[in-house]
Amino acid sequence: MHLAATVWRHLDVTSRTEAMLALAEQALPAARATGDRVWEARIMLHLGNGHNRLGDFETAAQQLRRAVAIAHEAGDRLGESRGRDLLGWALAQRGRHDEALTQMRHAVRIARQTGDQNAVSVALNNMGVIYQRQGRYEELLALLAEALASARAAGGRATQARVLGNIGVAYVESGDPTAALDHLREALAIHRELGNRTGEAIALVNIARAHHEAGDDEPAYREAGAALAILRETGDRAATASALNALGAAALRLGRATEAADRHREALTLAVEIGSPFSQARAHTGLGDAHEATADPATAAHHWRQALAAYGDLDAPETQRVRDRLDRPAGSSPSAPTAPATRQEPSTAHQ
């Protein structure tokens, strides 16, 4: 069991998701045959996490609900915490934020009871996705500061990188690209040190976003392109959609409206496939901006309305920016488009 756990950890950190899923599917019957319920729950956590990584959030949620139930029955507190955390992530990607926050808060509470500092850091870090989407940046930064302190106390390099990346995202979203770049570059260095290709790509996407926010779109375009090349290899579809949206936003600022539309259209296709309303909203926003740039206001407005529908009832800064686009008088000068930052994928280092 310990050897398999070590192999899984390596496959996870190095973003070999398909191999991780294959190993889990092979190990699950053996765990059930031996009657080891804790091991069965941990294997199902790997299955759920793998499906999260591939953007199959509905399958992930089904696997993770079962994992949580088994871990709870078996008295595996860390396994239950991890399952609720990953389940919250899957629910958040489908726009079910209230349910997600309930699961994530429960995960944090259990992790604190166990005294495992890395588990606490992981759970706090992933809970930040809800605060980010709601634009609660002060609370988000406080949450992530605690997550980073816990990760450093535990010595978990992979978790530190993920938290640093999400602190960078918070600074991007709150309008401080200089502070964002400091944290994102530190995260990038750790991901590269560990060989985490998906983590490296997500850091590059967010570095691109920070450059874009600062009005420096040549490096934004370059970094987003480098991220996309990595993600096409690793197969993380949710992160790929984010990279495409970031690349489209940079391309538009550089005067390449046709390319921008193509990138956002590809992102939209992926986002629909994986059922991610946020990525759909961001792709529609980018498509609206691209059509506005090519003097097609009717199509632009259509996409912006689709973006608002995808955002739903979430009262986030991104939602208000889309409303502002629709409220602009016809013929007025558009504001510069912004590219969405990408949340670091859920941590798994304490498993």
Protein backbone atom coordinates (compact mmCIF):
# COMPACT_ATOMS: atom_id res chain seq x y z
CA MET A 1 0.00 0.00 0.00
CA HIS A 2 2.78 2.46 0.89
CA LEU A 3 4.62 1.75 -2.38
CA ALA A 4 1.46 2.39 -4.39
CA ALA A 5 0.82 5.62 -2.46
CA THR A 6 4.34 6.79 -3.30
CA VAL A 7 3.79 6.00 -6.99
CA TRP A 8 0.46 7.87 -6.97
CA ARG A 9 2.05 10.89 -5.35
CA HIS A 10 4.72 10.94 -8.04
CA LEU A 11 2.18 10.60 -10.85
CA ASP A 12 0.06 13.36 -9.32
CA VAL A 13 2.88 15.85 -8.79
CA THR A 14 4.22 15.23 -12.30
CA SER A 15 0.71 15.67 -13.81
CA ARG A 16 0.50 12.15 -15.28
CA THR A 17 -3.24 12.03 -14.76
CA GLU A 18 -4.11 9.23 -17.18
CA ALA A 19 -1.50 6.95 -15.61
CA MET A 20 -2.79 7.83 -12.14
CA LEU A 21 -6.34 6.90 -13.15
CA ALA A 22 -5.22 3.64 -14.76
CA LEU A 23 -3.35 2.61 -11.61
CA ALA A 24 -6.35 3.46 -9.42
CA GLU A 25 -8.74 1.47 -11.60
CA GLN A 26 -6.45 -1.56 -11.39
CA ALA A 27 -5.98 -1.27 -7.62
CA LEU A 28 -9.63 -0.77 -6.65
CA PRO A 29 -10.77 -4.43 -7.09
CA ALA A 30 -7.81 -5.63 -5.01
CA ALA A 31 -8.65 -3.22 -2.18
CA ARG A 32 -12.26 -4.38 -2.19
CA ALA A 33 -11.19 -8.04 -2.25
CA THR A 34 -9.05 -7.56 0.86
CA GLY A 35 -11.78 -5.64 2.67
CA ASP A 36 -9.44 -2.72 3.39
CA ARG A 37 -11.95 0.13 3.53
CA VAL A 38 -9.40 2.86 4.19
CA TRP A 39 -7.38 1.83 1.15
CA GLU A 40 -10.56 1.59 -0.95
CA ALA A 41 -11.50 5.15 0.03
CA ARG A 42 -8.02 6.46 -0.79
CA ILE A 43 -8.11 4.82 -4.22
CA MET A 44 -11.49 6.40 -4.91
CA LEU A 45 -10.01 9.76 -3.90
CA HIS A 46 -7.40 9.30 -6.61
CA LEU A 47 -10.12 8.43 -9.13
CA GLY A 48 -12.12 11.51 -8.19
CA ASN A 49 -9.06 13.73 -8.29
CA GLY A 50 -8.09 12.37 -11.71
CA HIS A 51 -11.52 13.10 -13.13
CA ASN A 52 -11.33 16.61 -11.64
CA ARG A 53 -8.04 17.12 -13.47
CA LEU A 54 -9.54 15.95 -16.76
CA GLY A 55 -12.54 18.25 -16.36
CA ASP A 56 -15.09 15.45 -15.83
CA PHE A 57 -16.56 17.06 -12.75
CA GLU A 58 -19.80 15.07 -12.63
CA THR A 59 -17.95 11.74 -12.56
CA ALA A 60 -15.51 13.20 -10.04
CA ALA A 61 -18.35 14.23 -7.72
CA GLN A 62 -19.89 10.75 -7.87
CA GLN A 63 -16.57 9.07 -7.03
CA LEU A 64 -15.80 11.53 -4.26
CA ARG A 65 -19.18 11.25 -2.54
CA ARG A 66 -18.60 7.51 -2.32
CA ALA A 67 -15.03 8.03 -1.08
CA VAL A 68 -16.22 10.40 1.67
CA ALA A 69 -18.86 7.91 2.83
CA ILE A 70 -16.35 5.03 2.98
CA ALA A 71 -13.69 7.13 4.73
CA HIS A 72 -16.23 8.30 7.30
CA GLU A 73 -17.38 4.73 7.99
CA ALA A 74 -13.77 3.55 8.29
CA GLY A 75 -12.77 6.39 10.63
CA ASP A 76 -10.23 7.76 8.14
CA ARG A 77 -10.37 11.42 9.13
CA LEU A 78 -7.70 12.65 6.72
CA GLY A 79 -9.29 10.71 3.89
CA GLU A 80 -12.69 12.20 4.69
CA SER A 81 -11.21 15.71 4.82
CA ARG A 82 -9.49 15.23 1.48
CA GLY A 83 -12.63 13.79 -0.10
CA ARG A 84 -14.79 16.69 1.03
CA ASP A 85 -12.17 19.13 -0.20
CA LEU A 86 -11.98 17.57 -3.67
CA LEU A 87 -15.77 17.21 -3.79
CA GLY A 88 -16.07 20.92 -3.04
CA TRP A 89 -13.69 21.64 -5.92
CA ALA A 90 -15.79 19.55 -8.33
CA LEU A 91 -19.00 21.28 -7.21
CA ALA A 92 -17.40 24.73 -7.53
CA GLN A 93 -16.42 24.02 -11.13
CA ARG A 94 -20.08 23.31 -11.89
CA GLY A 95 -21.12 26.63 -10.30
CA ARG A 96 -22.63 25.03 -7.17
CA HIS A 97 -20.85 27.35 -4.78
CA ASP A 98 -22.99 27.02 -1.66
CA GLU A 99 -22.64 23.24 -1.68
CA ALA A 100 -18.94 23.56 -2.44
CA LEU A 101 -18.32 25.92 0.45
CA THR A 102 -20.16 23.60 2.87
CA GLN A 103 -17.95 20.69 1.86
CA MET A 104 -14.75 22.73 1.98
CA ARG A 105 -15.48 24.19 5.41
CA HIS A 106 -16.12 20.69 6.71
CA ALA A 107 -12.79 19.59 5.19
CA VAL A 108 -10.92 22.42 6.93
CA ARG A 109 -12.57 21.61 10.27
CA ILE A 110 -11.59 17.92 10.09
CA ALA A 111 -8.05 18.74 8.94
CA ARG A 112 -7.56 21.06 11.92
CA GLN A 113 -8.81 18.35 14.28
CA THR A 114 -6.21 15.92 12.95
CA GLY A 115 -3.36 18.42 13.46
CA ASP A 116 -1.98 17.73 9.96
CA GLN A 117 -0.69 21.15 8.85
CA ASN A 118 -0.32 20.19 5.20
CA ALA A 119 -3.92 18.95 5.13
CA VAL A 120 -5.06 22.25 6.67
CA SER A 121 -3.12 24.19 4.04
CA VAL A 122 -4.55 22.14 1.17
CA ALA A 123 -8.13 22.58 2.37
CA LEU A 124 -7.79 26.34 3.01
CA ASN A 125 -6.11 26.85 -0.35
CA ASN A 126 -8.85 25.14 -2.31
CA MET A 127 -11.60 26.91 -0.35
CA GLY A 128 -10.16 30.17 -1.68
CA VAL A 129 -11.68 29.49 -5.12
CA ILE A 130 -15.09 30.48 -3.76
CA TYR A 131 -13.82 33.71 -2.22
CA GLN A 132 -12.02 34.56 -5.44
CA ARG A 133 -15.11 34.11 -7.56
CA GLN A 134 -17.12 36.24 -5.18
CA GLY A 135 -14.51 39.01 -5.28
CA ARG A 136 -13.80 38.73 -1.53
CA TYR A 137 -10.12 39.52 -1.96
CA GLU A 138 -9.29 40.73 1.55
CA GLU A 139 -10.74 37.56 3.06
CA LEU A 140 -9.09 35.50 0.32
CA LEU A 141 -5.62 36.88 1.00
CA ALA A 142 -6.03 36.28 4.76
CA LEU A 143 -7.14 32.71 4.07
CA LEU A 144 -4.19 32.07 1.75
CA ALA A 145 -1.71 33.62 4.19
CA GLU A 146 -2.82 31.04 6.76
CA ALA A 147 -2.62 28.31 4.11
CA LEU A 148 0.94 29.33 3.21
CA ALA A 149 2.06 29.40 6.85
CA SER A 150 0.64 25.90 7.36
CA ALA A 151 2.29 24.60 4.19
CA ARG A 152 5.66 26.01 5.22
CA ALA A 153 5.31 24.56 8.72
CA ALA A 154 4.63 21.15 7.17
CA GLY A 155 7.42 21.48 4.60
CA GLY A 156 5.12 20.62 1.70
CA ARG A 157 6.77 22.14 -1.38
CA ALA A 158 3.99 21.17 -3.79
CA THR A 159 1.35 22.72 -1.55
CA GLN A 160 3.47 25.86 -1.06
CA ALA A 161 3.66 26.28 -4.84
CA ARG A 162 -0.09 25.97 -5.23
CA VAL A 163 -0.80 28.45 -2.45
CA LEU A 164 1.74 30.93 -3.83
CA GLY A 165 0.06 30.61 -7.21
CA ASN A 166 -3.34 31.36 -5.77
CA ILE A 167 -1.99 34.35 -3.83
CA GLY A 168 -0.74 35.56 -7.21
CA VAL A 169 -4.22 35.07 -8.67
CA ALA A 170 -5.72 37.11 -5.82
CA TYR A 171 -3.34 39.99 -6.53
CA VAL A 172 -4.07 39.81 -10.26
CA GLU A 173 -7.79 39.95 -9.63
CA SER A 174 -7.48 42.80 -7.10
CA GLY A 175 -5.41 44.89 -9.51
CA ASP A 176 -1.84 44.51 -8.20
CA PRO A 177 0.09 42.78 -11.03
CA THR A 178 3.52 43.57 -9.51
CA ALA A 179 2.76 41.70 -6.28
CA ALA A 180 1.14 38.96 -8.36
CA LEU A 181 4.28 38.42 -10.44
CA ASP A 182 6.47 38.08 -7.33
CA HIS A 183 4.33 35.22 -5.99
CA LEU A 184 3.70 33.58 -9.36
CA ARG A 185 7.38 33.44 -10.26
CA GLU A 186 8.16 31.78 -6.93
CA ALA A 187 5.38 29.26 -7.59
CA LEU A 188 6.69 28.64 -11.12
CA ALA A 189 10.20 27.91 -9.82
CA ILE A 190 8.91 25.32 -7.34
CA HIS A 191 6.67 23.60 -9.90
CA ARG A 192 9.63 23.32 -12.26
CA GLU A 193 11.83 22.01 -9.44
CA LEU A 194 9.24 19.30 -8.70
CA GLY A 195 8.56 18.49 -12.35
CA ASN A 196 4.88 19.42 -12.08
CA ARG A 197 4.06 20.26 -15.69
CA THR A 198 0.43 21.23 -15.14
CA GLY A 199 1.40 23.43 -12.18
CA GLU A 200 4.08 25.05 -14.32
CA ALA A 201 1.55 25.73 -17.08
CA ILE A 202 -1.02 27.23 -14.71
CA ALA A 203 1.64 29.50 -13.21
CA LEU A 204 2.54 30.61 -16.75
CA VAL A 205 -1.11 31.36 -17.53
CA ASN A 206 -1.34 33.57 -14.48
CA ILE A 207 1.99 35.26 -15.19
CA ALA A 208 0.53 36.03 -18.61
CA ARG A 209 -2.55 37.42 -16.90
CA ALA A 210 -0.43 39.66 -14.66
CA HIS A 211 1.49 41.03 -17.65
CA HIS A 212 -1.82 41.60 -19.43
CA GLU A 213 -3.22 43.43 -16.42
CA ALA A 214 -0.12 45.66 -16.46
CA GLY A 215 -0.67 46.41 -20.16
CA ASP A 216 2.37 44.40 -21.30
CA ASP A 217 0.84 42.02 -23.82
CA GLU A 218 3.84 40.72 -25.75
CA PRO A 219 5.09 38.71 -22.74
CA ALA A 220 1.47 37.91 -21.86
CA TYR A 221 0.97 36.34 -25.28
CA ARG A 222 4.30 34.49 -25.08
CA GLU A 223 3.69 33.01 -21.61
CA ALA A 224 0.10 31.98 -22.39
CA GLY A 225 1.30 30.27 -25.55
CA ALA A 226 3.98 28.37 -23.62
CA ALA A 227 1.36 27.28 -21.09
CA LEU A 228 -0.98 26.07 -23.81
CA ALA A 229 1.75 23.91 -25.36
CA ILE A 230 2.33 22.17 -22.02
CA LEU A 231 -1.37 21.69 -21.29
CA ARG A 232 -2.02 20.08 -24.66
CA GLU A 233 0.51 17.45 -23.55
CA THR A 234 -0.77 16.93 -19.99
CA GLY A 235 -4.47 16.82 -20.90
CA ASP A 236 -5.86 19.14 -18.21
CA ARG A 237 -8.90 20.42 -20.12
CA ALA A 238 -10.05 22.98 -17.55
CA ALA A 239 -6.62 24.62 -17.46
CA THR A 240 -6.40 24.40 -21.25
CA ALA A 241 -9.62 26.40 -21.56
CA SER A 242 -8.17 29.03 -19.23
CA ALA A 243 -4.94 29.23 -21.23
CA LEU A 244 -6.90 29.66 -24.46
CA ASN A 245 -8.93 32.47 -22.94
CA ALA A 246 -5.78 34.20 -21.68
CA LEU A 247 -4.12 33.82 -25.08
CA GLY A 248 -7.21 35.24 -26.79
CA ALA A 249 -7.29 38.29 -24.54
CA ALA A 250 -3.60 39.02 -25.19
CA ALA A 251 -4.04 38.51 -28.94
CA LEU A 252 -6.90 41.01 -29.03
CA ARG A 253 -4.84 43.65 -27.25
CA LEU A 254 -2.12 43.06 -29.85
CA GLY A 255 -4.61 43.78 -32.65
CA ARG A 256 -5.23 40.15 -33.69
CA ALA A 257 -9.01 40.03 -33.37
CA THR A 258 -9.51 37.02 -35.64
CA GLU A 259 -6.99 34.94 -33.71
CA ALA A 260 -8.54 36.11 -30.44
CA ALA A 261 -11.97 34.92 -31.57
CA ASP A 262 -10.54 31.55 -32.64
CA ARG A 263 -8.88 31.04 -29.26
CA HIS A 264 -12.00 31.97 -27.29
CA ARG A 265 -14.14 29.76 -29.53
CA GLU A 266 -11.89 26.78 -28.81
CA ALA A 267 -12.03 27.60 -25.10
CA LEU A 268 -15.82 27.72 -25.25
CA THR A 269 -16.01 24.30 -26.87
CA LEU A 270 -13.82 22.82 -24.14
CA ALA A 271 -15.74 24.61 -21.38
CA VAL A 272 -19.06 23.23 -22.64
CA GLU A 273 -17.58 19.72 -22.83
CA ILE A 274 -16.38 19.80 -19.21
CA GLY A 275 -19.44 21.64 -17.91
CA SER A 276 -17.58 24.66 -16.52
CA PRO A 277 -19.88 27.72 -16.45
CA PHE A 278 -17.02 30.04 -15.46
CA SER A 279 -14.83 29.11 -18.41
CA GLN A 280 -17.88 29.38 -20.67
CA ALA A 281 -18.59 32.86 -19.33
CA ARG A 282 -15.02 33.97 -19.86
CA ALA A 283 -14.95 32.58 -23.39
CA HIS A 284 -18.20 34.37 -24.24
CA THR A 285 -16.79 37.59 -22.80
CA GLY A 286 -13.70 37.27 -24.97
CA LEU A 287 -15.76 36.49 -28.05
CA GLY A 288 -17.88 39.57 -27.38
CA ASP A 289 -14.75 41.70 -27.11
CA ALA A 290 -13.36 40.26 -30.36
CA HIS A 291 -16.59 40.91 -32.26
CA GLU A 292 -16.76 44.44 -30.87
CA ALA A 293 -13.23 45.01 -32.18
CA THR A 294 -14.35 43.93 -35.66
CA ALA A 295 -17.35 46.28 -35.63
CA ASP A 296 -20.00 43.60 -35.02
CA PRO A 297 -21.84 45.01 -32.00
CA ALA A 298 -24.89 42.73 -32.30
CA THR A 299 -22.81 39.56 -32.08
CA ALA A 300 -20.69 41.11 -29.33
CA ALA A 301 -23.80 41.84 -27.26
CA HIS A 302 -25.07 38.29 -27.85
CA HIS A 303 -21.91 36.81 -26.39
CA TRP A 304 -21.87 39.19 -23.44
CA ARG A 305 -25.46 38.22 -22.62
CA GLN A 306 -24.44 34.57 -22.81
CA ALA A 307 -21.57 35.34 -20.42
CA LEU A 308 -23.97 36.87 -17.87
CA ALA A 309 -26.23 33.84 -18.15
CA ALA A 310 -23.27 31.53 -17.49
CA TYR A 311 -22.15 33.55 -14.47
CA GLY A 312 -25.66 33.17 -13.06
CA ASP A 313 -26.37 34.87 -9.76
CA LEU A 314 -22.73 35.28 -8.76
CA ASP A 315 -22.09 38.91 -7.83
CA ALA A 316 -18.44 38.99 -8.86
CA PRO A 317 -16.29 41.75 -10.39
CA GLU A 318 -16.15 39.84 -13.69
CA THR A 319 -19.94 39.86 -13.87
CA GLN A 320 -20.06 43.61 -13.37
CA ARG A 321 -17.46 44.17 -16.09
CA VAL A 322 -19.66 42.30 -18.56
CA ARG A 323 -22.69 44.38 -17.51
CA ASP A 324 -20.60 47.51 -18.10
CA ARG A 325 -19.86 46.34 -21.64
CA LEU A 326 -23.56 45.90 -22.37
CA ASP A 327 -24.39 49.28 -20.84
CA ARG A 328 -21.89 51.19 -22.99
CA PRO A 329 -23.53 53.54 -25.49
CA ALA A 330 -23.24 52.36 -29.09
CA GLY A 331 -20.12 53.73 -30.76
CA SER A 332 -18.28 54.46 -27.52
CA SER A 333 -14.66 53.35 -27.13
CA PRO A 334 -14.35 49.93 -25.50
CA SER A 335 -12.20 49.47 -22.45
CA ALA A 336 -9.28 47.11 -22.76
CA PRO A 337 -10.30 43.46 -22.31
CA THR A 338 -9.01 41.53 -19.34
CA ALA A 339 -7.99 37.91 -19.25
CA PRO A 340 -9.22 35.65 -16.45
CA ALA A 341 -6.73 34.32 -13.96
CA THR A 342 -6.56 30.57 -13.48
CA ARG A 343 -6.91 28.94 -10.11
CA GLN A 344 -4.21 26.44 -9.27
CA GLU A 345 -5.55 22.90 -9.53
CA PRO A 346 -6.56 21.27 -6.24
CA SER A 347 -3.64 20.15 -4.10
CA THR A 348 -3.16 16.47 -3.33
CA ALA A 349 0.21 16.44 -1.61
CA HIS A 350 -0.97 15.18 1.79
CA GLN A 351 -2.51 11.97 0.51
